[in-house]
Amino acid sequence: MKKSLLIITGFCFMLFLGCGDGEKKKDSPYEKSTSVEQTTPAKSKVPASERIDLTSKGVGPISSITLPSEIDQTMVAHGKDVYEKMCTACHKVDKKFIGPPPVGLLERRTPEWIMNMILNPEEMVQQDPLAKDLLMEFNGAPMANQHLSEEDARAVLEYFRTL
């Protein structure tokens, strides 16, 4: 019995020595570093729908547009009609819904970006960083292509100028 107790005690002692004292040796080439340095800047905390980008023109057929200082009321009426028929299923004028609200949109986006998003939503979501962020913000619900003409899209843009 003494011999067995001595063997068990010796085994436990060797096991205890093998485990070490819990401190990591700094000069061991096998140790992995547990500290992680952040090398990329953190993404902006501002939601994409509130982010201001007045430089991007987006991806699509519109590369340049000049808005006159005076708002064309005939075009506004046509744009409001198109918006109410084609857009209100997903967009509410002054609050978030399935998609972002258009109120104040021209203070955050270029006219070209807005027109390209209306006319070319599939490519915008694939290639434009801001459109991608909007897609994520609005739960992955992509904007439907309503196949509007450039004239209709321009009228909707003119309506947005009045909001």
C-alpha atoms as a PDB file:
ATOM      1  CA  MET A   1       0.000   0.000   0.000  1.00  0.00           C
ATOM      2  CA  LYS A   2       2.866   2.336   0.846  1.00  0.00           C
ATOM      3  CA  LYS A   3       4.409   1.641  -2.522  1.00  0.00           C
ATOM      4  CA  SER A   4       1.165   2.509  -4.358  1.00  0.00           C
ATOM      5  CA  LEU A   5       0.768   5.715  -2.354  1.00  0.00           C
ATOM      6  CA  LEU A   6       4.330   6.659  -3.125  1.00  0.00           C
ATOM      7  CA  ILE A   7       3.811   6.034  -6.873  1.00  0.00           C
ATOM      8  CA  ILE A   8       0.562   8.059  -6.934  1.00  0.00           C
ATOM      9  CA  THR A   9       2.201  10.921  -5.008  1.00  0.00           C
ATOM     10  CA  GLY A  10       5.176  10.886  -7.388  1.00  0.00           C
ATOM     11  CA  PHE A  11       2.853  10.894 -10.410  1.00  0.00           C
ATOM     12  CA  CYS A  12       0.869  13.845  -9.015  1.00  0.00           C
ATOM     13  CA  PHE A  13       4.111  15.705  -8.286  1.00  0.00           C
ATOM     14  CA  MET A  14       5.344  15.199 -11.859  1.00  0.00           C
ATOM     15  CA  LEU A  15       1.961  16.276 -13.219  1.00  0.00           C
ATOM     16  CA  PHE A  16       2.101  19.396 -11.072  1.00  0.00           C
ATOM     17  CA  LEU A  17       5.589  20.269 -12.317  1.00  0.00           C
ATOM     18  CA  GLY A  18       4.602  19.667 -15.936  1.00  0.00           C
ATOM     19  CA  CYS A  19       1.740  22.148 -15.781  1.00  0.00           C
ATOM     20  CA  GLY A  20       4.035  25.032 -14.878  1.00  0.00           C
ATOM     21  CA  ASP A  21       3.161  28.095 -12.888  1.00  0.00           C
ATOM     22  CA  GLY A  22       0.687  29.622 -15.350  1.00  0.00           C
ATOM     23  CA  GLU A  23       2.956  32.436 -16.517  1.00  0.00           C
ATOM     24  CA  LYS A  24       3.656  32.736 -20.229  1.00  0.00           C
ATOM     25  CA  LYS A  25       7.256  32.830 -21.297  1.00  0.00           C
ATOM     26  CA  LYS A  26       7.801  35.853 -23.529  1.00  0.00           C
ATOM     27  CA  ASP A  27      10.750  34.482 -25.454  1.00  0.00           C
ATOM     28  CA  SER A  28       9.026  31.311 -26.646  1.00  0.00           C
ATOM     29  CA  PRO A  29       8.764  31.181 -30.450  1.00  0.00           C
ATOM     30  CA  TYR A  30       5.631  29.045 -30.159  1.00  0.00           C
ATOM     31  CA  GLU A  31       3.512  31.521 -28.258  1.00  0.00           C
ATOM     32  CA  LYS A  32       0.941  33.444 -30.266  1.00  0.00           C
ATOM     33  CA  SER A  33       0.363  37.076 -29.546  1.00  0.00           C
ATOM     34  CA  THR A  34      -3.022  37.735 -28.037  1.00  0.00           C
ATOM     35  CA  SER A  35      -2.986  41.487 -28.528  1.00  0.00           C
ATOM     36  CA  VAL A  36      -4.589  42.629 -31.743  1.00  0.00           C
ATOM     37  CA  GLU A  37      -3.871  46.056 -33.099  1.00  0.00           C
ATOM     38  CA  GLN A  38      -6.567  47.744 -35.117  1.00  0.00           C
ATOM     39  CA  THR A  39      -5.014  48.743 -38.426  1.00  0.00           C
ATOM     40  CA  THR A  40      -8.160  49.821 -40.258  1.00  0.00           C
ATOM     41  CA  PRO A  41     -10.151  52.832 -39.150  1.00  0.00           C
ATOM     42  CA  ALA A  42     -13.501  52.116 -37.523  1.00  0.00           C
ATOM     43  CA  LYS A  43     -16.515  52.600 -39.773  1.00  0.00           C
ATOM     44  CA  SER A  44     -18.478  55.747 -39.327  1.00  0.00           C
ATOM     45  CA  LYS A  45     -21.154  55.560 -36.651  1.00  0.00           C
ATOM     46  CA  VAL A  46     -23.418  57.809 -38.734  1.00  0.00           C
ATOM     47  CA  PRO A  47     -26.097  55.744 -40.510  1.00  0.00           C
ATOM     48  CA  ALA A  48     -25.805  55.737 -44.298  1.00  0.00           C
ATOM     49  CA  SER A  49     -29.179  57.449 -44.631  1.00  0.00           C
ATOM     50  CA  GLU A  50     -27.886  60.415 -42.599  1.00  0.00           C
ATOM     51  CA  ARG A  51     -24.359  60.485 -44.034  1.00  0.00           C
ATOM     52  CA  ILE A  52     -23.550  63.477 -46.243  1.00  0.00           C
ATOM     53  CA  ASP A  53     -21.774  62.811 -49.549  1.00  0.00           C
ATOM     54  CA  LEU A  54     -21.965  65.669 -52.009  1.00  0.00           C
ATOM     55  CA  THR A  55     -19.179  64.399 -54.259  1.00  0.00           C
ATOM     56  CA  SER A  56     -20.258  60.945 -55.498  1.00  0.00           C
ATOM     57  CA  LYS A  57     -22.279  60.795 -58.686  1.00  0.00           C
ATOM     58  CA  GLY A  58     -22.998  57.088 -58.352  1.00  0.00           C
ATOM     59  CA  VAL A  59     -23.057  54.499 -61.110  1.00  0.00           C
ATOM     60  CA  GLY A  60     -25.345  54.864 -64.096  1.00  0.00           C
ATOM     61  CA  PRO A  61     -26.313  56.921 -67.105  1.00  0.00           C
ATOM     62  CA  ILE A  62     -26.305  60.345 -65.415  1.00  0.00           C
ATOM     63  CA  SER A  63     -22.851  61.883 -65.212  1.00  0.00           C
ATOM     64  CA  SER A  64     -23.793  65.544 -65.032  1.00  0.00           C
ATOM     65  CA  ILE A  65     -26.941  67.521 -64.340  1.00  0.00           C
ATOM     66  CA  THR A  66     -27.466  71.215 -63.778  1.00  0.00           C
ATOM     67  CA  LEU A  67     -30.402  72.253 -61.647  1.00  0.00           C
ATOM     68  CA  PRO A  68     -31.820  75.707 -62.371  1.00  0.00           C
ATOM     69  CA  SER A  69     -32.213  78.006 -59.374  1.00  0.00           C
ATOM     70  CA  GLU A  70     -35.959  78.259 -59.966  1.00  0.00           C
ATOM     71  CA  ILE A  71     -38.082  75.164 -59.355  1.00  0.00           C
ATOM     72  CA  ASP A  72     -40.266  74.061 -62.277  1.00  0.00           C
ATOM     73  CA  GLN A  73     -43.732  73.612 -60.750  1.00  0.00           C
ATOM     74  CA  THR A  74     -45.045  71.649 -63.747  1.00  0.00           C
ATOM     75  CA  MET A  75     -42.206  69.187 -63.350  1.00  0.00           C
ATOM     76  CA  VAL A  76     -42.840  69.061 -59.575  1.00  0.00           C
ATOM     77  CA  ALA A  77     -46.480  68.093 -60.158  1.00  0.00           C
ATOM     78  CA  HIS A  78     -45.422  65.353 -62.579  1.00  0.00           C
ATOM     79  CA  GLY A  79     -42.697  64.141 -60.177  1.00  0.00           C
ATOM     80  CA  LYS A  80     -45.114  64.049 -57.247  1.00  0.00           C
ATOM     81  CA  ASP A  81     -47.526  61.975 -59.320  1.00  0.00           C
ATOM     82  CA  VAL A  82     -44.779  59.521 -60.327  1.00  0.00           C
ATOM     83  CA  TYR A  83     -43.511  59.342 -56.732  1.00  0.00           C
ATOM     84  CA  GLU A  84     -46.977  58.635 -55.338  1.00  0.00           C
ATOM     85  CA  LYS A  85     -47.642  55.904 -57.913  1.00  0.00           C
ATOM     86  CA  MET A  86     -44.250  54.211 -57.984  1.00  0.00           C
ATOM     87  CA  CYS A  87     -42.377  54.949 -54.765  1.00  0.00           C
ATOM     88  CA  THR A  88     -44.724  55.195 -51.778  1.00  0.00           C
ATOM     89  CA  ALA A  89     -44.918  51.427 -51.315  1.00  0.00           C
ATOM     90  CA  CYS A  90     -41.378  51.642 -49.884  1.00  0.00           C
ATOM     91  CA  HIS A  91     -40.699  55.329 -49.170  1.00  0.00           C
ATOM     92  CA  LYS A  92     -42.533  57.757 -46.916  1.00  0.00           C
ATOM     93  CA  VAL A  93     -41.760  61.436 -47.491  1.00  0.00           C
ATOM     94  CA  ASP A  94     -40.603  62.311 -43.977  1.00  0.00           C
ATOM     95  CA  LYS A  95     -39.875  59.054 -42.145  1.00  0.00           C
ATOM     96  CA  LYS A  96     -37.952  55.821 -42.532  1.00  0.00           C
ATOM     97  CA  PHE A  97     -39.995  52.954 -43.880  1.00  0.00           C
ATOM     98  CA  ILE A  98     -38.752  50.105 -46.058  1.00  0.00           C
ATOM     99  CA  GLY A  99     -36.473  52.658 -47.717  1.00  0.00           C
ATOM    100  CA  PRO A 100     -35.097  56.029 -46.592  1.00  0.00           C
ATOM    101  CA  PRO A 101     -37.207  59.197 -46.699  1.00  0.00           C
ATOM    102  CA  PRO A 102     -36.494  61.654 -49.525  1.00  0.00           C
ATOM    103  CA  VAL A 103     -36.982  64.769 -47.375  1.00  0.00           C
ATOM    104  CA  GLY A 104     -33.725  66.761 -47.340  1.00  0.00           C
ATOM    105  CA  LEU A 105     -32.126  64.311 -49.762  1.00  0.00           C
ATOM    106  CA  LEU A 106     -30.493  67.024 -51.879  1.00  0.00           C
ATOM    107  CA  GLU A 107     -28.677  68.244 -48.762  1.00  0.00           C
ATOM    108  CA  ARG A 108     -26.991  64.811 -48.471  1.00  0.00           C
ATOM    109  CA  ARG A 109     -26.584  63.557 -52.081  1.00  0.00           C
ATOM    110  CA  THR A 110     -25.710  64.949 -55.487  1.00  0.00           C
ATOM    111  CA  PRO A 111     -28.508  65.195 -58.073  1.00  0.00           C
ATOM    112  CA  GLU A 112     -26.577  62.739 -60.268  1.00  0.00           C
ATOM    113  CA  TRP A 113     -26.394  60.166 -57.452  1.00  0.00           C
ATOM    114  CA  ILE A 114     -30.141  60.457 -56.835  1.00  0.00           C
ATOM    115  CA  MET A 115     -30.989  60.089 -60.526  1.00  0.00           C
ATOM    116  CA  ASN A 116     -28.628  57.106 -60.893  1.00  0.00           C
ATOM    117  CA  MET A 117     -30.181  55.442 -57.844  1.00  0.00           C
ATOM    118  CA  ILE A 118     -33.647  55.875 -59.352  1.00  0.00           C
ATOM    119  CA  LEU A 119     -32.631  54.729 -62.836  1.00  0.00           C
ATOM    120  CA  ASN A 120     -29.996  52.118 -62.002  1.00  0.00           C
ATOM    121  CA  PRO A 121     -30.591  50.666 -58.511  1.00  0.00           C
ATOM    122  CA  GLU A 122     -29.142  47.196 -59.216  1.00  0.00           C
ATOM    123  CA  GLU A 123     -25.707  48.431 -60.300  1.00  0.00           C
ATOM    124  CA  MET A 124     -25.682  51.125 -57.633  1.00  0.00           C
ATOM    125  CA  VAL A 125     -26.136  48.503 -54.894  1.00  0.00           C
ATOM    126  CA  GLN A 126     -23.406  46.347 -56.431  1.00  0.00           C
ATOM    127  CA  GLN A 127     -20.815  49.077 -57.073  1.00  0.00           C
ATOM    128  CA  ASP A 128     -21.544  52.219 -55.045  1.00  0.00           C
ATOM    129  CA  PRO A 129     -20.268  52.066 -51.434  1.00  0.00           C
ATOM    130  CA  LEU A 130     -22.983  54.354 -50.082  1.00  0.00           C
ATOM    131  CA  ALA A 131     -25.757  52.397 -51.826  1.00  0.00           C
ATOM    132  CA  LYS A 132     -24.303  49.199 -50.317  1.00  0.00           C
ATOM    133  CA  ASP A 133     -24.374  50.769 -46.859  1.00  0.00           C
ATOM    134  CA  LEU A 134     -27.972  51.883 -47.380  1.00  0.00           C
ATOM    135  CA  LEU A 135     -28.909  48.347 -48.386  1.00  0.00           C
ATOM    136  CA  MET A 136     -27.458  47.049 -45.111  1.00  0.00           C
ATOM    137  CA  GLU A 137     -29.095  49.808 -43.056  1.00  0.00           C
ATOM    138  CA  PHE A 138     -32.488  48.964 -44.502  1.00  0.00           C
ATOM    139  CA  ASN A 139     -32.255  45.224 -43.752  1.00  0.00           C
ATOM    140  CA  GLY A 140     -31.063  44.135 -47.179  1.00  0.00           C
ATOM    141  CA  ALA A 141     -34.231  45.326 -48.936  1.00  0.00           C
ATOM    142  CA  PRO A 142     -32.952  46.411 -52.378  1.00  0.00           C
ATOM    143  CA  MET A 143     -34.591  49.272 -54.212  1.00  0.00           C
ATOM    144  CA  ALA A 144     -36.806  47.966 -56.983  1.00  0.00           C
ATOM    145  CA  ASN A 145     -36.082  49.163 -60.492  1.00  0.00           C
ATOM    146  CA  GLN A 146     -39.296  50.894 -61.555  1.00  0.00           C
ATOM    147  CA  HIS A 147     -37.939  51.332 -65.116  1.00  0.00           C
ATOM    148  CA  LEU A 148     -38.625  55.046 -65.098  1.00  0.00           C
ATOM    149  CA  SER A 149     -37.566  57.175 -68.023  1.00  0.00           C
ATOM    150  CA  GLU A 150     -34.915  59.842 -67.466  1.00  0.00           C
ATOM    151  CA  GLU A 151     -37.706  62.417 -67.828  1.00  0.00           C
ATOM    152  CA  ASP A 152     -39.741  60.789 -65.039  1.00  0.00           C
ATOM    153  CA  ALA A 153     -36.679  60.435 -62.804  1.00  0.00           C
ATOM    154  CA  ARG A 154     -35.810  64.095 -63.387  1.00  0.00           C
ATOM    155  CA  ALA A 155     -39.374  65.055 -62.448  1.00  0.00           C
ATOM    156  CA  VAL A 156     -39.099  63.031 -59.220  1.00  0.00           C
ATOM    157  CA  LEU A 157     -35.824  64.813 -58.484  1.00  0.00           C
ATOM    158  CA  GLU A 158     -37.554  68.167 -59.017  1.00  0.00           C
ATOM    159  CA  TYR A 159     -40.291  67.061 -56.584  1.00  0.00           C
ATOM    160  CA  PHE A 160     -37.593  66.148 -54.044  1.00  0.00           C
ATOM    161  CA  ARG A 161     -36.301  69.731 -54.295  1.00  0.00           C
ATOM    162  CA  THR A 162     -39.594  70.922 -52.789  1.00  0.00           C
ATOM    163  CA  LEU A 163     -39.546  68.603 -49.759  1.00  0.00           C
END
